[in-house]
C-alpha atoms as a PDB file:
ATOM      1  CA  UNK A   1     141.456 124.198  59.624  1.00  0.00           C
ATOM      2  CA  UNK A   2     142.323 125.891  62.908  1.00  0.00           C
ATOM      3  CA  UNK A   3     144.541 128.934  62.685  1.00  0.00           C
ATOM      4  CA  UNK A   4     144.301 130.311  66.244  1.00  0.00           C
ATOM      5  CA  UNK A   5     143.878 129.067  69.801  1.00  0.00           C
ATOM      6  CA  UNK A   6     140.318 130.407  69.741  1.00  0.00           C
ATOM      7  CA  UNK A   7     139.484 128.378  66.635  1.00  0.00           C
ATOM      8  CA  UNK A   8     141.075 125.282  68.203  1.00  0.00           C
ATOM      9  CA  UNK A   9     138.950 125.792  71.312  1.00  0.00           C
ATOM     10  CA  UNK A  10     135.774 126.295  69.250  1.00  0.00           C
ATOM     11  CA  UNK A  11     136.467 123.077  67.320  1.00  0.00           C
ATOM     12  CA  UNK A  12     137.288 121.039  70.439  1.00  0.00           C
ATOM     13  CA  UNK A  13     134.787 118.624  71.950  1.00  0.00           C
ATOM     14  CA  UNK A  14     132.573 120.235  74.590  1.00  0.00           C
ATOM     15  CA  UNK A  15     134.150 118.193  77.406  1.00  0.00           C
ATOM     16  CA  UNK A  16     137.606 119.374  76.338  1.00  0.00           C
ATOM     17  CA  UNK A  17     137.017 123.111  76.441  1.00  0.00           C
ATOM     18  CA  UNK A  18     137.248 123.577  80.227  1.00  0.00           C
ATOM     19  CA  UNK A  19     140.426 121.475  80.307  1.00  0.00           C
ATOM     20  CA  UNK A  20     142.066 123.474  77.528  1.00  0.00           C
ATOM     21  CA  UNK A  21     141.184 126.854  79.014  1.00  0.00           C
ATOM     22  CA  UNK A  22     142.334 125.763  82.476  1.00  0.00           C
ATOM     23  CA  UNK A  23     145.710 124.508  81.260  1.00  0.00           C
ATOM     24  CA  UNK A  24     146.287 127.468  78.942  1.00  0.00           C
ATOM     25  CA  UNK A  25     145.581 129.781  81.873  1.00  0.00           C
ATOM     26  CA  UNK A  26     147.913 127.701  84.022  1.00  0.00           C
ATOM     27  CA  UNK A  27     150.799 128.206  81.579  1.00  0.00           C
ATOM     28  CA  UNK A  28     149.999 131.921  81.317  1.00  0.00           C
ATOM     29  CA  UNK A  29     150.168 132.172  85.117  1.00  0.00           C
ATOM     30  CA  UNK A  30     153.349 130.111  85.484  1.00  0.00           C
ATOM     31  CA  UNK A  31     155.273 131.526  82.519  1.00  0.00           C
ATOM     32  CA  UNK A  32     154.071 135.075  81.818  1.00  0.00           C
ATOM     33  CA  UNK A  33     155.026 136.186  78.346  1.00  0.00           C
ATOM     34  CA  UNK A  34     155.140 132.672  76.902  1.00  0.00           C
ATOM     35  CA  UNK A  35     152.566 132.875  74.132  1.00  0.00           C
ATOM     36  CA  UNK A  36     151.095 129.989  72.156  1.00  0.00           C
ATOM     37  CA  UNK A  37     152.042 129.522  68.523  1.00  0.00           C
ATOM     38  CA  UNK A  38     150.113 127.327  66.143  1.00  0.00           C
ATOM     39  CA  UNK A  39     151.820 124.039  65.260  1.00  0.00           C
ATOM     40  CA  UNK A  40     150.001 121.653  62.950  1.00  0.00           C
ATOM     41  CA  UNK A  41     146.744 123.429  63.799  1.00  0.00           C
ATOM     42  CA  UNK A  42     147.265 123.070  67.574  1.00  0.00           C
ATOM     43  CA  UNK A  43     148.359 125.804  70.016  1.00  0.00           C
ATOM     44  CA  UNK A  44     151.847 125.065  71.354  1.00  0.00           C
ATOM     45  CA  UNK A  45     154.020 126.793  73.931  1.00  0.00           C
ATOM     46  CA  UNK A  46     157.406 126.575  72.232  1.00  0.00           C
ATOM     47  CA  UNK A  47     160.570 127.352  74.189  1.00  0.00           C
ATOM     48  CA  UNK A  48     162.796 128.328  71.280  1.00  0.00           C
ATOM     49  CA  UNK A  49     162.666 129.013  67.577  1.00  0.00           C
ATOM     50  CA  UNK A  50     161.891 125.343  66.865  1.00  0.00           C
ATOM     51  CA  UNK A  51     159.709 122.778  68.583  1.00  0.00           C
ATOM     52  CA  UNK A  52     162.819 120.598  68.721  1.00  0.00           C
ATOM     53  CA  UNK A  53     164.138 122.962  71.415  1.00  0.00           C
ATOM     54  CA  UNK A  54     161.237 122.081  73.678  1.00  0.00           C
ATOM     55  CA  UNK A  55     157.567 122.763  74.146  1.00  0.00           C
ATOM     56  CA  UNK A  56     154.451 121.963  76.080  1.00  0.00           C
ATOM     57  CA  UNK A  57     151.203 121.424  74.218  1.00  0.00           C
ATOM     58  CA  UNK A  58     147.692 120.359  75.115  1.00  0.00           C
ATOM     59  CA  UNK A  59     145.419 118.429  72.793  1.00  0.00           C
ATOM     60  CA  UNK A  60     141.770 117.556  73.027  1.00  0.00           C
ATOM     61  CA  UNK A  61     140.391 114.345  71.572  1.00  0.00           C
ATOM     62  CA  UNK A  62     136.805 113.155  71.772  1.00  0.00           C
ATOM     63  CA  UNK A  63     137.371 111.146  74.940  1.00  0.00           C
ATOM     64  CA  UNK A  64     140.631 112.359  76.444  1.00  0.00           C
ATOM     65  CA  UNK A  65     142.958 115.281  77.159  1.00  0.00           C
ATOM     66  CA  UNK A  66     146.708 115.071  76.528  1.00  0.00           C
ATOM     67  CA  UNK A  67     149.810 116.938  77.646  1.00  0.00           C
ATOM     68  CA  UNK A  68     152.716 116.739  75.183  1.00  0.00           C
ATOM     69  CA  UNK A  69     156.405 117.505  75.789  1.00  0.00           C
ATOM     70  CA  UNK A  70     159.878 116.357  74.773  1.00  0.00           C
ATOM     71  CA  UNK A  71     160.830 115.495  78.365  1.00  0.00           C
ATOM     72  CA  UNK A  72     160.204 111.795  77.805  1.00  0.00           C
ATOM     73  CA  UNK A  73     161.336 110.802  81.305  1.00  0.00           C
ATOM     74  CA  UNK A  74     158.758 113.104  82.897  1.00  0.00           C
ATOM     75  CA  UNK A  75     156.068 111.860  80.513  1.00  0.00           C
ATOM     76  CA  UNK A  76     156.841 108.213  81.305  1.00  0.00           C
ATOM     77  CA  UNK A  77     156.783 108.913  85.035  1.00  0.00           C
ATOM     78  CA  UNK A  78     153.426 110.700  84.755  1.00  0.00           C
ATOM     79  CA  UNK A  79     151.972 107.801  82.784  1.00  0.00           C
ATOM     80  CA  UNK A  80     153.042 105.431  85.571  1.00  0.00           C
ATOM     81  CA  UNK A  81     151.942 107.517  88.535  1.00  0.00           C
ATOM     82  CA  UNK A  82     148.650 109.071  87.392  1.00  0.00           C
ATOM     83  CA  UNK A  83     145.860 106.529  87.822  1.00  0.00           C
ATOM     84  CA  UNK A  84     144.221 105.777  84.480  1.00  0.00           C
ATOM     85  CA  UNK A  85     146.824 107.690  82.444  1.00  0.00           C
ATOM     86  CA  UNK A  86     148.060 106.430  79.098  1.00  0.00           C
ATOM     87  CA  UNK A  87     149.887 107.739  76.052  1.00  0.00           C
ATOM     88  CA  UNK A  88     152.883 107.475  73.790  1.00  0.00           C
ATOM     89  CA  UNK A  89     156.500 108.484  74.166  1.00  0.00           C
ATOM     90  CA  UNK A  90     155.797 112.216  74.182  1.00  0.00           C
ATOM     91  CA  UNK A  91     152.346 112.476  75.711  1.00  0.00           C
ATOM     92  CA  UNK A  92     150.345 111.612  78.770  1.00  0.00           C
ATOM     93  CA  UNK A  93     146.587 111.354  78.361  1.00  0.00           C
ATOM     94  CA  UNK A  94     143.649 111.070  80.724  1.00  0.00           C
ATOM     95  CA  UNK A  95     139.939 110.685  80.142  1.00  0.00           C
ATOM     96  CA  UNK A  96     137.890 113.803  80.919  1.00  0.00           C
ATOM     97  CA  UNK A  97     136.120 112.393  83.991  1.00  0.00           C
ATOM     98  CA  UNK A  98     139.562 111.949  85.629  1.00  0.00           C
ATOM     99  CA  UNK A  99     139.572 115.389  87.299  1.00  0.00           C
ATOM    100  CA  UNK A 100     141.846 113.973  90.009  1.00  0.00           C
ATOM    101  CA  UNK A 101     144.664 113.850  87.439  1.00  0.00           C
ATOM    102  CA  UNK A 102     144.815 117.638  87.050  1.00  0.00           C
ATOM    103  CA  UNK A 103     147.244 118.385  89.932  1.00  0.00           C
ATOM    104  CA  UNK A 104     149.729 115.781  88.654  1.00  0.00           C
ATOM    105  CA  UNK A 105     149.410 117.077  85.091  1.00  0.00           C
ATOM    106  CA  UNK A 106     150.042 120.617  86.340  1.00  0.00           C
ATOM    107  CA  UNK A 107     153.103 119.385  88.245  1.00  0.00           C
ATOM    108  CA  UNK A 108     154.323 117.870  84.975  1.00  0.00           C
ATOM    109  CA  UNK A 109     153.819 121.213  83.224  1.00  0.00           C
ATOM    110  CA  UNK A 110     155.722 122.969  86.031  1.00  0.00           C
ATOM    111  CA  UNK A 111     158.681 120.612  85.686  1.00  0.00           C
ATOM    112  CA  UNK A 112     158.764 120.978  81.886  1.00  0.00           C
ATOM    113  CA  UNK A 113     158.685 124.772  82.225  1.00  0.00           C
ATOM    114  CA  UNK A 114     161.416 124.734  84.881  1.00  0.00           C
ATOM    115  CA  UNK A 115     163.680 122.489  82.810  1.00  0.00           C
ATOM    116  CA  UNK A 116     163.320 124.877  79.925  1.00  0.00           C
ATOM    117  CA  UNK A 117     164.249 127.994  81.855  1.00  0.00           C
ATOM    118  CA  UNK A 118     160.821 129.314  82.719  1.00  0.00           C
ATOM    119  CA  UNK A 119     160.476 130.007  86.406  1.00  0.00           C
ATOM    120  CA  UNK A 120     157.113 128.946  87.730  1.00  0.00           C
ATOM    121  CA  UNK A 121     155.181 131.056  90.200  1.00  0.00           C
END
């Protein structure tokens, strides 16, 4: 059971760790003061007192990295425009070798943060 971001990182697949640390650092840079909270054993950047008020979250599976958010229109657009991307209604996923997807995923994070009142740098 993971109870902290550090434990989540330690339990993540080796390929996932650089992705997680890069995207966590990206949120820290873009939205200073927004701290992760644990949600179902995964670090989440929640925008209010409930995840239903918005969030951005990053998950690490054995073969892919995912960005999760409630902005379903942005998620759907990212799934369509990022080569090789896939996912469900609230997530866009890419396989770890797809390093070229990182700028588009970061743009997605920026837009989610902006929509939720967090100015990006």
